[in-house]
N, C-alpha and C. Protein backbone atom coordinates (compact mmCIF):
# COMPACT_ATOMS: atom_id res chain seq x y z
N UNK A 1 -44.04 19.73 30.61
CA UNK A 1 -43.39 20.67 29.68
C UNK A 1 -42.27 19.95 28.91
N UNK A 2 -42.05 20.44 27.69
CA UNK A 2 -41.03 19.83 26.84
C UNK A 2 -39.64 19.94 27.44
N UNK A 3 -39.41 21.01 28.22
CA UNK A 3 -38.07 21.21 28.79
C UNK A 3 -37.70 20.12 29.78
N UNK A 4 -38.71 19.48 30.38
CA UNK A 4 -38.42 18.44 31.35
C UNK A 4 -37.82 17.20 30.70
N UNK A 5 -38.02 17.05 29.37
CA UNK A 5 -37.47 15.90 28.66
C UNK A 5 -36.06 16.16 28.13
N UNK A 6 -35.62 17.41 28.17
CA UNK A 6 -34.30 17.75 27.61
C UNK A 6 -33.20 17.51 28.62
N UNK A 7 -33.12 16.27 29.07
CA UNK A 7 -32.04 15.89 29.98
C UNK A 7 -30.87 15.37 29.15
N UNK A 8 -29.72 15.28 29.77
CA UNK A 8 -28.52 14.81 29.08
C UNK A 8 -28.72 13.40 28.53
N UNK A 9 -29.31 12.50 29.35
CA UNK A 9 -29.52 11.12 28.92
C UNK A 9 -30.46 11.04 27.73
N UNK A 10 -31.54 11.84 27.76
CA UNK A 10 -32.49 11.81 26.65
C UNK A 10 -31.88 12.36 25.36
N UNK A 11 -31.07 13.40 25.50
CA UNK A 11 -30.40 13.96 24.32
C UNK A 11 -29.45 12.93 23.72
N UNK A 12 -28.70 12.22 24.56
CA UNK A 12 -27.78 11.18 24.07
C UNK A 12 -28.54 10.06 23.36
N UNK A 13 -29.70 9.67 23.93
CA UNK A 13 -30.50 8.63 23.29
C UNK A 13 -31.01 9.10 21.93
N UNK A 14 -31.45 10.35 21.87
CA UNK A 14 -31.97 10.90 20.61
C UNK A 14 -30.88 10.94 19.55
N UNK A 15 -29.69 11.36 19.94
CA UNK A 15 -28.58 11.42 18.98
C UNK A 15 -28.20 10.03 18.50
N UNK A 16 -28.26 9.04 19.37
CA UNK A 16 -27.96 7.66 18.99
C UNK A 16 -28.96 7.16 17.96
N UNK A 17 -30.24 7.47 18.17
CA UNK A 17 -31.28 7.05 17.23
C UNK A 17 -31.08 7.72 15.88
N UNK A 18 -30.78 9.03 15.91
CA UNK A 18 -30.55 9.75 14.65
C UNK A 18 -29.35 9.16 13.91
N UNK A 19 -28.29 8.84 14.66
CA UNK A 19 -27.11 8.24 14.04
C UNK A 19 -27.41 6.89 13.42
N UNK A 20 -28.21 6.08 14.11
CA UNK A 20 -28.57 4.77 13.58
C UNK A 20 -29.41 4.90 12.32
N UNK A 21 -30.38 5.83 12.32
CA UNK A 21 -31.21 6.05 11.13
C UNK A 21 -30.34 6.48 9.95
N UNK A 22 -29.40 7.40 10.23
CA UNK A 22 -28.51 7.89 9.17
C UNK A 22 -27.70 6.74 8.59
N UNK A 23 -27.19 5.88 9.46
CA UNK A 23 -26.38 4.75 9.01
C UNK A 23 -27.21 3.81 8.13
N UNK A 24 -28.42 3.48 8.58
CA UNK A 24 -29.27 2.55 7.82
C UNK A 24 -29.65 3.12 6.46
N UNK A 25 -30.01 4.40 6.43
CA UNK A 25 -30.40 5.03 5.16
C UNK A 25 -29.24 5.04 4.19
N UNK A 26 -28.05 5.46 4.67
CA UNK A 26 -26.89 5.55 3.79
C UNK A 26 -26.44 4.19 3.30
N UNK A 27 -26.39 3.20 4.18
CA UNK A 27 -25.82 1.91 3.81
C UNK A 27 -26.78 1.02 3.06
N UNK A 28 -28.06 0.98 3.50
CA UNK A 28 -28.97 -0.01 2.93
C UNK A 28 -29.96 0.57 1.92
N UNK A 29 -30.25 1.85 2.01
CA UNK A 29 -31.16 2.45 1.04
C UNK A 29 -30.41 3.16 -0.08
N UNK A 30 -29.40 3.95 0.29
CA UNK A 30 -28.62 4.65 -0.73
C UNK A 30 -27.43 3.82 -1.21
N UNK A 31 -27.19 2.68 -0.55
CA UNK A 31 -26.12 1.76 -0.94
C UNK A 31 -24.75 2.40 -0.89
N UNK A 32 -24.52 3.30 0.03
CA UNK A 32 -23.21 3.90 0.20
C UNK A 32 -22.82 3.84 1.67
N UNK A 33 -21.53 3.74 1.92
CA UNK A 33 -21.06 3.71 3.31
C UNK A 33 -21.08 5.11 3.88
N UNK A 34 -21.65 5.30 5.06
CA UNK A 34 -21.72 6.63 5.67
C UNK A 34 -20.37 7.05 6.22
N UNK A 35 -19.45 7.37 5.34
CA UNK A 35 -18.08 7.66 5.74
C UNK A 35 -17.95 9.11 6.17
N UNK A 36 -17.52 9.38 7.39
CA UNK A 36 -17.32 10.76 7.81
C UNK A 36 -16.10 11.37 7.13
N UNK A 37 -16.11 12.69 6.96
CA UNK A 37 -14.97 13.35 6.33
C UNK A 37 -13.69 13.12 7.09
N UNK A 38 -13.80 12.97 8.41
CA UNK A 38 -12.61 12.76 9.22
C UNK A 38 -11.91 11.45 8.88
N UNK A 39 -12.67 10.48 8.34
CA UNK A 39 -12.06 9.20 7.97
C UNK A 39 -11.28 9.31 6.67
N UNK A 40 -11.58 10.33 5.91
CA UNK A 40 -10.93 10.50 4.62
C UNK A 40 -9.70 11.38 4.68
N UNK A 41 -9.62 12.26 5.67
CA UNK A 41 -8.53 13.21 5.70
C UNK A 41 -8.74 14.29 4.65
N UNK A 42 -7.83 15.24 4.63
CA UNK A 42 -7.97 16.32 3.66
C UNK A 42 -6.59 16.77 3.20
N UNK A 43 -6.38 16.76 1.90
CA UNK A 43 -5.13 17.23 1.30
C UNK A 43 -5.46 18.43 0.42
N UNK A 44 -4.96 19.61 0.76
CA UNK A 44 -5.26 20.80 -0.05
C UNK A 44 -4.77 20.63 -1.49
N UNK A 45 -5.56 21.11 -2.44
CA UNK A 45 -5.15 21.04 -3.83
C UNK A 45 -3.85 21.81 -4.04
N UNK A 46 -3.63 22.86 -3.25
CA UNK A 46 -2.39 23.63 -3.38
C UNK A 46 -1.18 22.76 -3.08
N UNK A 47 -1.30 21.86 -2.10
CA UNK A 47 -0.19 20.97 -1.78
C UNK A 47 0.04 19.97 -2.91
N UNK A 48 -1.04 19.41 -3.45
CA UNK A 48 -0.90 18.49 -4.58
C UNK A 48 -0.24 19.19 -5.76
N UNK A 49 -0.62 20.43 -6.01
CA UNK A 49 -0.02 21.20 -7.11
C UNK A 49 1.47 21.41 -6.87
N UNK A 50 1.84 21.69 -5.62
CA UNK A 50 3.26 21.88 -5.30
C UNK A 50 4.04 20.58 -5.50
N UNK A 51 3.42 19.46 -5.11
CA UNK A 51 4.07 18.16 -5.29
C UNK A 51 4.27 17.86 -6.77
N UNK A 52 3.24 18.10 -7.56
CA UNK A 52 3.32 17.84 -9.00
C UNK A 52 4.37 18.75 -9.64
N UNK A 53 4.41 20.03 -9.25
CA UNK A 53 5.38 20.96 -9.80
C UNK A 53 6.80 20.52 -9.46
N UNK A 54 7.01 20.07 -8.23
CA UNK A 54 8.34 19.61 -7.81
C UNK A 54 8.77 18.39 -8.62
N UNK A 55 7.86 17.46 -8.83
CA UNK A 55 8.18 16.26 -9.60
C UNK A 55 8.42 16.60 -11.06
N UNK A 56 7.61 17.51 -11.62
CA UNK A 56 7.82 17.93 -12.99
C UNK A 56 9.20 18.55 -13.19
N UNK A 57 9.66 19.24 -12.17
CA UNK A 57 10.95 19.94 -12.25
C UNK A 57 12.13 18.99 -12.10
N UNK A 58 12.01 18.01 -11.19
CA UNK A 58 13.17 17.19 -10.84
C UNK A 58 13.17 15.78 -11.43
N UNK A 59 12.01 15.27 -11.80
CA UNK A 59 11.96 13.96 -12.43
C UNK A 59 12.26 14.10 -13.92
N UNK A 60 13.21 13.33 -14.39
CA UNK A 60 13.61 13.42 -15.80
C UNK A 60 13.14 12.23 -16.63
N UNK A 61 12.60 11.20 -15.95
CA UNK A 61 12.19 9.98 -16.63
C UNK A 61 10.68 9.92 -16.80
N UNK A 62 10.26 9.21 -17.84
CA UNK A 62 8.84 8.89 -18.03
C UNK A 62 8.70 7.39 -17.80
N UNK A 63 8.08 7.01 -16.68
CA UNK A 63 8.10 5.62 -16.27
C UNK A 63 6.96 4.79 -16.87
N UNK A 64 5.98 5.42 -17.45
CA UNK A 64 4.87 4.69 -18.03
C UNK A 64 3.97 4.09 -16.96
N UNK A 65 2.94 3.40 -17.40
CA UNK A 65 1.97 2.81 -16.48
C UNK A 65 2.44 1.43 -16.04
N UNK A 66 2.41 1.19 -14.75
CA UNK A 66 2.86 -0.10 -14.22
C UNK A 66 1.71 -1.10 -14.18
N UNK A 67 2.03 -2.34 -14.56
CA UNK A 67 1.09 -3.45 -14.45
C UNK A 67 1.81 -4.63 -13.81
N UNK A 68 1.20 -5.23 -12.81
CA UNK A 68 1.76 -6.43 -12.21
C UNK A 68 1.75 -7.55 -13.25
N UNK A 69 2.87 -8.24 -13.47
CA UNK A 69 2.88 -9.35 -14.44
C UNK A 69 1.78 -10.36 -14.14
N UNK A 70 1.17 -10.89 -15.19
CA UNK A 70 0.00 -11.75 -15.03
C UNK A 70 0.29 -12.98 -14.18
N UNK A 71 1.45 -13.64 -14.42
CA UNK A 71 1.78 -14.84 -13.65
C UNK A 71 1.96 -14.51 -12.17
N UNK A 72 2.58 -13.36 -11.89
CA UNK A 72 2.77 -12.94 -10.50
C UNK A 72 1.43 -12.58 -9.86
N UNK A 73 0.56 -11.95 -10.62
CA UNK A 73 -0.76 -11.60 -10.12
C UNK A 73 -1.56 -12.85 -9.76
N UNK A 74 -1.46 -13.89 -10.56
CA UNK A 74 -2.17 -15.14 -10.27
C UNK A 74 -1.70 -15.74 -8.95
N UNK A 75 -0.41 -15.69 -8.70
CA UNK A 75 0.13 -16.21 -7.44
C UNK A 75 -0.32 -15.36 -6.26
N UNK A 76 -0.39 -14.05 -6.45
CA UNK A 76 -0.84 -13.16 -5.38
C UNK A 76 -2.32 -13.38 -5.06
N UNK A 77 -3.12 -13.62 -6.09
CA UNK A 77 -4.54 -13.89 -5.87
C UNK A 77 -4.74 -15.19 -5.09
N UNK A 78 -3.85 -16.15 -5.31
CA UNK A 78 -3.94 -17.42 -4.60
C UNK A 78 -3.53 -17.25 -3.14
N UNK A 79 -2.53 -16.42 -2.89
CA UNK A 79 -2.07 -16.19 -1.51
C UNK A 79 -1.30 -14.87 -1.48
N UNK A 80 -1.99 -13.80 -1.10
CA UNK A 80 -1.34 -12.49 -1.14
C UNK A 80 -0.49 -12.23 0.11
N UNK A 81 -0.41 -13.20 1.00
CA UNK A 81 0.44 -13.03 2.18
C UNK A 81 1.72 -13.86 2.11
N UNK A 82 1.94 -14.51 0.96
CA UNK A 82 3.15 -15.31 0.80
C UNK A 82 4.36 -14.39 0.68
N UNK A 83 5.30 -14.53 1.58
CA UNK A 83 6.43 -13.59 1.67
C UNK A 83 7.31 -13.64 0.42
N UNK A 84 7.54 -14.82 -0.11
CA UNK A 84 8.38 -14.94 -1.30
C UNK A 84 7.74 -14.24 -2.50
N UNK A 85 6.44 -14.42 -2.66
CA UNK A 85 5.73 -13.79 -3.76
C UNK A 85 5.71 -12.27 -3.60
N UNK A 86 5.50 -11.80 -2.37
CA UNK A 86 5.48 -10.36 -2.12
C UNK A 86 6.85 -9.74 -2.36
N UNK A 87 7.92 -10.46 -2.03
CA UNK A 87 9.27 -9.95 -2.31
C UNK A 87 9.48 -9.85 -3.82
N UNK A 88 8.98 -10.80 -4.57
CA UNK A 88 9.08 -10.74 -6.03
C UNK A 88 8.29 -9.56 -6.57
N UNK A 89 7.12 -9.30 -5.99
CA UNK A 89 6.32 -8.14 -6.38
C UNK A 89 7.09 -6.86 -6.08
N UNK A 90 7.67 -6.77 -4.89
CA UNK A 90 8.44 -5.58 -4.53
C UNK A 90 9.59 -5.35 -5.50
N UNK A 91 10.29 -6.41 -5.86
CA UNK A 91 11.39 -6.28 -6.82
C UNK A 91 10.90 -5.80 -8.18
N UNK A 92 9.73 -6.28 -8.59
CA UNK A 92 9.17 -5.87 -9.88
C UNK A 92 8.76 -4.40 -9.84
N UNK A 93 8.17 -3.96 -8.72
CA UNK A 93 7.80 -2.55 -8.56
C UNK A 93 9.05 -1.67 -8.59
N UNK A 94 10.08 -2.10 -7.89
CA UNK A 94 11.33 -1.34 -7.87
C UNK A 94 11.96 -1.28 -9.27
N UNK A 95 11.95 -2.40 -9.97
CA UNK A 95 12.53 -2.44 -11.31
C UNK A 95 11.85 -1.46 -12.24
N UNK A 96 10.55 -1.25 -12.06
CA UNK A 96 9.81 -0.29 -12.88
C UNK A 96 10.40 1.11 -12.74
N UNK A 97 10.96 1.41 -11.55
CA UNK A 97 11.56 2.73 -11.32
C UNK A 97 13.08 2.70 -11.42
N UNK A 98 13.62 1.60 -11.96
CA UNK A 98 15.06 1.52 -12.17
C UNK A 98 15.86 1.19 -10.93
N UNK A 99 15.24 0.56 -9.95
CA UNK A 99 15.90 0.21 -8.69
C UNK A 99 16.07 -1.30 -8.61
N UNK A 100 17.24 -1.74 -8.15
CA UNK A 100 17.47 -3.16 -7.91
C UNK A 100 16.89 -3.51 -6.55
N UNK A 101 15.81 -4.27 -6.54
CA UNK A 101 15.15 -4.60 -5.29
C UNK A 101 15.72 -5.81 -4.57
N UNK A 102 16.72 -6.47 -5.16
CA UNK A 102 17.26 -7.68 -4.55
C UNK A 102 17.86 -7.42 -3.18
N UNK A 103 18.42 -6.21 -3.00
CA UNK A 103 19.11 -5.91 -1.74
C UNK A 103 18.14 -5.47 -0.64
N UNK A 104 16.85 -5.34 -0.96
CA UNK A 104 15.87 -4.87 0.01
C UNK A 104 15.33 -6.05 0.82
N UNK A 105 15.32 -5.91 2.10
CA UNK A 105 14.74 -6.92 2.99
C UNK A 105 13.27 -6.58 3.22
N UNK A 106 12.38 -7.54 2.98
CA UNK A 106 10.95 -7.34 3.19
C UNK A 106 10.52 -8.08 4.45
N UNK A 107 9.86 -7.35 5.35
CA UNK A 107 9.39 -7.92 6.61
C UNK A 107 7.88 -7.75 6.68
N UNK A 108 7.17 -8.83 7.01
CA UNK A 108 5.71 -8.77 7.15
C UNK A 108 5.33 -8.68 8.62
N UNK A 109 4.39 -7.78 8.90
CA UNK A 109 3.83 -7.65 10.25
C UNK A 109 2.39 -8.14 10.23
N UNK A 110 1.96 -8.64 11.37
CA UNK A 110 0.56 -9.04 11.53
C UNK A 110 0.04 -8.52 12.86
N UNK A 111 0.31 -7.27 13.13
CA UNK A 111 -0.13 -6.65 14.38
C UNK A 111 -1.26 -5.67 14.09
N UNK A 112 -2.22 -5.54 14.98
CA UNK A 112 -3.36 -4.63 14.75
C UNK A 112 -2.96 -3.17 14.95
N UNK A 113 -2.29 -2.61 13.94
CA UNK A 113 -1.84 -1.22 14.02
C UNK A 113 -2.52 -0.43 12.90
N UNK A 114 -3.70 0.15 13.14
CA UNK A 114 -4.48 0.77 12.08
C UNK A 114 -3.84 1.99 11.45
N UNK A 115 -2.92 2.66 12.16
CA UNK A 115 -2.33 3.87 11.62
C UNK A 115 -1.01 3.61 10.91
N UNK A 116 -0.67 2.35 10.69
CA UNK A 116 0.59 2.02 10.01
C UNK A 116 0.34 0.94 8.97
N UNK A 117 0.65 1.23 7.72
CA UNK A 117 0.49 0.25 6.66
C UNK A 117 1.84 -0.32 6.24
N UNK A 118 2.85 0.51 6.29
CA UNK A 118 4.18 0.07 5.91
C UNK A 118 5.22 1.02 6.47
N UNK A 119 6.47 0.64 6.30
CA UNK A 119 7.55 1.46 6.83
C UNK A 119 8.82 1.12 6.08
N UNK A 120 9.69 2.11 5.92
CA UNK A 120 10.96 1.88 5.25
C UNK A 120 12.08 2.51 6.06
N UNK A 121 13.18 1.81 6.16
CA UNK A 121 14.39 2.36 6.75
C UNK A 121 15.53 2.07 5.78
N UNK A 122 16.36 3.05 5.52
CA UNK A 122 17.37 2.87 4.50
C UNK A 122 18.59 3.72 4.75
N UNK A 123 19.71 3.25 4.23
CA UNK A 123 20.90 4.06 4.06
C UNK A 123 21.50 3.62 2.72
N UNK A 124 22.70 3.99 2.44
CA UNK A 124 23.26 3.69 1.13
C UNK A 124 23.55 2.20 0.94
N UNK A 125 23.60 1.43 2.04
CA UNK A 125 24.00 0.03 1.93
C UNK A 125 22.88 -0.95 2.24
N UNK A 126 21.90 -0.57 3.05
CA UNK A 126 20.93 -1.55 3.53
C UNK A 126 19.55 -0.92 3.64
N UNK A 127 18.55 -1.63 3.15
CA UNK A 127 17.17 -1.13 3.18
C UNK A 127 16.23 -2.22 3.67
N UNK A 128 15.31 -1.84 4.54
CA UNK A 128 14.27 -2.75 5.00
C UNK A 128 12.91 -2.10 4.77
N UNK A 129 12.02 -2.82 4.14
CA UNK A 129 10.63 -2.38 3.97
C UNK A 129 9.75 -3.33 4.77
N UNK A 130 8.94 -2.76 5.64
CA UNK A 130 8.01 -3.55 6.46
C UNK A 130 6.59 -3.34 5.94
N UNK A 131 5.85 -4.41 5.85
CA UNK A 131 4.48 -4.36 5.35
C UNK A 131 3.54 -4.91 6.41
N UNK A 132 2.57 -4.09 6.81
CA UNK A 132 1.55 -4.51 7.78
C UNK A 132 0.41 -5.21 7.06
N UNK A 133 0.22 -6.49 7.31
CA UNK A 133 -0.82 -7.27 6.63
C UNK A 133 -2.11 -7.22 7.43
N UNK A 134 -2.93 -6.21 7.17
CA UNK A 134 -4.20 -6.06 7.87
C UNK A 134 -5.25 -7.00 7.26
N UNK A 135 -6.16 -7.52 8.07
CA UNK A 135 -7.14 -8.48 7.55
C UNK A 135 -8.09 -7.88 6.52
N UNK A 136 -8.29 -6.57 6.54
CA UNK A 136 -9.23 -5.95 5.60
C UNK A 136 -8.56 -5.53 4.29
N UNK A 137 -7.26 -5.75 4.15
CA UNK A 137 -6.57 -5.36 2.93
C UNK A 137 -7.08 -6.15 1.72
N UNK A 138 -7.19 -5.45 0.61
CA UNK A 138 -7.37 -6.10 -0.67
C UNK A 138 -5.99 -6.27 -1.31
N UNK A 139 -5.92 -7.00 -2.39
CA UNK A 139 -4.65 -7.14 -3.10
C UNK A 139 -4.17 -5.79 -3.61
N UNK A 140 -5.09 -4.95 -4.06
CA UNK A 140 -4.72 -3.61 -4.51
C UNK A 140 -4.12 -2.78 -3.38
N UNK A 141 -4.62 -2.98 -2.16
CA UNK A 141 -4.07 -2.27 -1.00
C UNK A 141 -2.62 -2.66 -0.77
N UNK A 142 -2.34 -3.94 -0.86
CA UNK A 142 -0.97 -4.43 -0.66
C UNK A 142 -0.04 -3.88 -1.73
N UNK A 143 -0.50 -3.91 -2.98
CA UNK A 143 0.32 -3.37 -4.08
C UNK A 143 0.56 -1.89 -3.87
N UNK A 144 -0.48 -1.16 -3.46
CA UNK A 144 -0.36 0.28 -3.26
C UNK A 144 0.62 0.61 -2.14
N UNK A 145 0.57 -0.16 -1.04
CA UNK A 145 1.49 0.09 0.08
C UNK A 145 2.93 -0.17 -0.34
N UNK A 146 3.16 -1.27 -1.04
CA UNK A 146 4.52 -1.56 -1.50
C UNK A 146 5.00 -0.51 -2.50
N UNK A 147 4.10 -0.04 -3.36
CA UNK A 147 4.48 1.01 -4.32
C UNK A 147 4.84 2.29 -3.57
N UNK A 148 4.09 2.62 -2.53
CA UNK A 148 4.37 3.81 -1.73
C UNK A 148 5.75 3.71 -1.09
N UNK A 149 6.04 2.57 -0.45
CA UNK A 149 7.32 2.41 0.24
C UNK A 149 8.48 2.40 -0.76
N UNK A 150 8.30 1.73 -1.89
CA UNK A 150 9.35 1.72 -2.92
C UNK A 150 9.57 3.12 -3.48
N UNK A 151 8.51 3.91 -3.58
CA UNK A 151 8.65 5.28 -4.07
C UNK A 151 9.41 6.14 -3.08
N UNK A 152 9.27 5.85 -1.79
CA UNK A 152 10.11 6.53 -0.79
C UNK A 152 11.59 6.35 -1.14
N UNK A 153 11.96 5.13 -1.47
CA UNK A 153 13.35 4.83 -1.81
C UNK A 153 13.75 5.54 -3.10
N UNK A 154 12.86 5.54 -4.08
CA UNK A 154 13.10 6.23 -5.34
C UNK A 154 13.36 7.72 -5.12
N UNK A 155 12.53 8.36 -4.31
CA UNK A 155 12.70 9.78 -4.04
C UNK A 155 13.97 10.04 -3.24
N UNK A 156 14.32 9.10 -2.37
CA UNK A 156 15.55 9.21 -1.58
C UNK A 156 16.76 9.25 -2.51
N UNK A 157 16.78 8.35 -3.47
CA UNK A 157 17.89 8.31 -4.43
C UNK A 157 17.93 9.57 -5.30
N UNK A 158 16.75 10.09 -5.63
CA UNK A 158 16.67 11.27 -6.49
C UNK A 158 16.93 12.57 -5.72
N UNK A 159 16.90 12.50 -4.40
CA UNK A 159 17.08 13.71 -3.60
C UNK A 159 15.87 14.63 -3.64
N UNK A 160 14.68 14.05 -3.83
CA UNK A 160 13.45 14.83 -3.91
C UNK A 160 12.68 14.65 -2.61
N UNK A 161 12.42 15.72 -1.89
CA UNK A 161 11.69 15.61 -0.64
C UNK A 161 11.14 16.97 -0.22
N UNK A 162 10.22 16.94 0.72
CA UNK A 162 9.72 18.14 1.38
C UNK A 162 10.11 18.06 2.85
N UNK A 163 10.30 19.20 3.47
CA UNK A 163 10.80 19.22 4.85
C UNK A 163 9.77 18.72 5.86
N UNK A 164 8.51 19.10 5.66
CA UNK A 164 7.45 18.66 6.57
C UNK A 164 7.17 17.18 6.36
N UNK A 165 7.09 16.41 7.44
CA UNK A 165 6.93 14.95 7.35
C UNK A 165 5.64 14.56 6.63
N UNK A 166 4.52 15.18 7.03
CA UNK A 166 3.24 14.84 6.41
C UNK A 166 3.23 15.25 4.93
N UNK A 167 3.74 16.42 4.62
CA UNK A 167 3.80 16.86 3.23
C UNK A 167 4.68 15.93 2.41
N UNK A 168 5.74 15.42 3.02
CA UNK A 168 6.61 14.49 2.31
C UNK A 168 5.91 13.17 2.02
N UNK A 169 5.02 12.75 2.92
CA UNK A 169 4.23 11.53 2.66
C UNK A 169 3.25 11.77 1.51
N UNK A 170 2.64 12.95 1.47
CA UNK A 170 1.75 13.29 0.36
C UNK A 170 2.54 13.34 -0.94
N UNK A 171 3.75 13.90 -0.88
CA UNK A 171 4.63 13.92 -2.06
C UNK A 171 4.91 12.50 -2.53
N UNK A 172 5.14 11.58 -1.59
CA UNK A 172 5.44 10.19 -1.96
C UNK A 172 4.25 9.53 -2.64
N UNK A 173 3.05 9.75 -2.12
CA UNK A 173 1.85 9.22 -2.78
C UNK A 173 1.70 9.82 -4.17
N UNK A 174 1.93 11.13 -4.27
CA UNK A 174 1.82 11.80 -5.57
C UNK A 174 2.85 11.24 -6.55
N UNK A 175 4.06 11.02 -6.06
CA UNK A 175 5.12 10.47 -6.91
C UNK A 175 4.81 9.05 -7.35
N UNK A 176 4.15 8.27 -6.48
CA UNK A 176 3.77 6.91 -6.86
C UNK A 176 2.80 6.94 -8.04
N UNK A 177 1.87 7.89 -8.02
CA UNK A 177 0.96 8.07 -9.16
C UNK A 177 1.76 8.55 -10.37
N UNK A 178 2.65 9.51 -10.14
CA UNK A 178 3.50 10.08 -11.20
C UNK A 178 4.31 8.97 -11.88
N UNK A 179 4.76 7.98 -11.11
CA UNK A 179 5.63 6.93 -11.65
C UNK A 179 4.85 5.76 -12.24
N UNK A 180 3.53 5.87 -12.31
CA UNK A 180 2.76 4.87 -13.04
C UNK A 180 1.95 3.90 -12.21
N UNK A 181 1.88 4.12 -10.89
CA UNK A 181 1.13 3.20 -10.02
C UNK A 181 -0.27 3.71 -9.70
N UNK A 182 -0.76 4.68 -10.45
CA UNK A 182 -2.04 5.32 -10.15
C UNK A 182 -3.21 4.36 -10.08
N UNK A 183 -3.25 3.37 -10.96
CA UNK A 183 -4.36 2.40 -10.97
C UNK A 183 -4.46 1.67 -9.64
N UNK A 184 -3.32 1.22 -9.12
CA UNK A 184 -3.32 0.46 -7.88
C UNK A 184 -3.50 1.38 -6.67
N UNK A 185 -2.93 2.59 -6.74
CA UNK A 185 -3.11 3.54 -5.65
C UNK A 185 -4.59 3.90 -5.52
N UNK A 186 -5.25 4.13 -6.64
CA UNK A 186 -6.67 4.51 -6.62
C UNK A 186 -7.52 3.42 -5.96
N UNK A 187 -7.36 2.20 -6.42
CA UNK A 187 -8.18 1.11 -5.88
C UNK A 187 -7.75 0.74 -4.46
N UNK A 188 -6.45 0.78 -4.22
CA UNK A 188 -5.95 0.37 -2.91
C UNK A 188 -6.20 1.38 -1.82
N UNK A 189 -6.46 2.65 -2.20
CA UNK A 189 -6.68 3.71 -1.22
C UNK A 189 -8.16 3.95 -0.96
N UNK A 190 -9.00 2.99 -1.33
CA UNK A 190 -10.42 3.10 -1.02
C UNK A 190 -10.64 3.02 0.48
N UNK A 191 -11.77 3.54 0.95
CA UNK A 191 -12.12 3.47 2.37
C UNK A 191 -12.84 2.15 2.63
N UNK A 192 -12.40 1.45 3.67
CA UNK A 192 -13.00 0.17 4.04
C UNK A 192 -13.78 0.31 5.33
N UNK A 193 -14.90 -0.35 5.39
CA UNK A 193 -15.62 -0.38 6.66
C UNK A 193 -14.92 -1.34 7.60
N UNK A 194 -14.74 -0.93 8.84
CA UNK A 194 -14.05 -1.74 9.83
C UNK A 194 -14.94 -2.82 10.40
N UNK A 195 -14.45 -3.50 11.41
CA UNK A 195 -15.21 -4.58 12.02
C UNK A 195 -16.43 -4.06 12.77
N UNK A 196 -16.34 -2.86 13.33
CA UNK A 196 -17.48 -2.24 13.99
C UNK A 196 -18.34 -1.51 12.96
N UNK A 197 -19.61 -1.32 13.27
CA UNK A 197 -20.55 -0.77 12.30
C UNK A 197 -20.16 0.61 11.80
N UNK A 198 -19.65 1.45 12.67
CA UNK A 198 -19.33 2.82 12.28
C UNK A 198 -17.83 3.09 12.30
N UNK A 199 -17.02 2.06 12.11
CA UNK A 199 -15.58 2.25 12.06
C UNK A 199 -15.09 2.08 10.63
N UNK A 200 -14.01 2.80 10.29
CA UNK A 200 -13.52 2.80 8.93
C UNK A 200 -12.01 2.72 8.92
N UNK A 201 -11.48 2.18 7.85
CA UNK A 201 -10.04 2.03 7.66
C UNK A 201 -9.67 2.56 6.28
N UNK A 202 -8.50 3.13 6.19
CA UNK A 202 -8.04 3.64 4.91
C UNK A 202 -6.53 3.55 4.84
N UNK A 203 -6.02 3.15 3.68
CA UNK A 203 -4.59 3.11 3.42
C UNK A 203 -4.18 4.40 2.73
N UNK A 204 -2.98 4.87 3.01
CA UNK A 204 -2.44 6.00 2.26
C UNK A 204 -2.77 7.35 2.84
N UNK A 205 -2.16 8.38 2.25
CA UNK A 205 -2.30 9.75 2.74
C UNK A 205 -3.21 10.59 1.86
N UNK A 206 -3.47 10.16 0.65
CA UNK A 206 -4.35 10.90 -0.24
C UNK A 206 -5.62 10.09 -0.48
N UNK A 207 -6.64 10.76 -1.00
CA UNK A 207 -7.93 10.12 -1.27
C UNK A 207 -7.99 9.69 -2.74
N UNK A 208 -9.01 8.91 -3.05
CA UNK A 208 -9.20 8.51 -4.44
C UNK A 208 -9.42 9.72 -5.33
N UNK A 209 -10.15 10.74 -4.81
CA UNK A 209 -10.36 11.96 -5.59
C UNK A 209 -9.05 12.67 -5.89
N UNK A 210 -8.10 12.58 -4.96
CA UNK A 210 -6.79 13.19 -5.17
C UNK A 210 -6.02 12.46 -6.28
N UNK A 211 -6.14 11.14 -6.31
CA UNK A 211 -5.49 10.36 -7.36
C UNK A 211 -6.03 10.77 -8.72
N UNK A 212 -7.36 10.90 -8.81
CA UNK A 212 -7.99 11.35 -10.06
C UNK A 212 -7.49 12.73 -10.46
N UNK A 213 -7.38 13.63 -9.49
CA UNK A 213 -6.89 14.99 -9.76
C UNK A 213 -5.46 14.96 -10.29
N UNK A 214 -4.59 14.17 -9.66
CA UNK A 214 -3.20 14.09 -10.10
C UNK A 214 -3.12 13.53 -11.52
N UNK A 215 -3.89 12.48 -11.79
CA UNK A 215 -3.89 11.89 -13.14
C UNK A 215 -4.39 12.87 -14.18
N UNK A 216 -5.40 13.66 -13.84
CA UNK A 216 -5.92 14.67 -14.77
C UNK A 216 -4.87 15.73 -15.08
N UNK A 217 -4.16 16.18 -14.05
CA UNK A 217 -3.12 17.19 -14.25
C UNK A 217 -2.00 16.63 -15.14
N UNK A 218 -1.60 15.38 -14.87
CA UNK A 218 -0.54 14.76 -15.66
C UNK A 218 -0.99 14.56 -17.10
N UNK A 219 -2.25 14.20 -17.30
CA UNK A 219 -2.77 14.00 -18.66
C UNK A 219 -2.75 15.30 -19.45
N UNK A 220 -3.11 16.40 -18.79
CA UNK A 220 -3.09 17.70 -19.47
C UNK A 220 -1.67 18.13 -19.83
N UNK A 221 -0.73 17.73 -18.97
CA UNK A 221 0.67 18.07 -19.24
C UNK A 221 1.17 17.38 -20.51
N UNK A 222 0.66 16.16 -20.77
CA UNK A 222 1.14 15.38 -21.90
C UNK A 222 0.48 15.77 -23.21
N UNK A 223 -0.61 16.56 -23.15
CA UNK A 223 -1.31 16.96 -24.38
C UNK A 223 -0.48 17.97 -25.15
């Protein structure tokens, strides 16, 4: 009888086979990574709208679109882990938002911490930004992380924040797009396949679709 085959071990084997088939079809036939929704996270559009409304109300400057200077980009492409070059990049990102980055200490980490890309600690006199250099990072990922951390400092100076920690991180990502880093945030926040076949890594708190949504809203505002 068929019921005699419905043991726990057989069910687990069947699910494993189905998962493998799904992975092969998605990756090699459809040419897309089988990324689960849980790897992407979810940010409600209502929260993005609240972030945009808050920035529209309290931000008085138009920062324009940021571009990494060509000479600096060439050096980063040659070695994106060079601390001196990354500090120069951080200063340039800060200058775009009217911040003097010379006083900021940049620290590089090389520890396998998948849930941490960067970190900032600051007061009125001293600021440290830490950057986690993961092996799967692209140059856009590094630029996006530094833009996110620098935007934390920008919002700190402006007195713009949300009380909930996670919502404040989403606000910071939204503000980074608002301040002209959308191109790098979009590319840097892509989902990467990890070292294991079904493992995934992602930088940032918002998705690429969220970046597109924010840019669309901002574009309509300027019309």
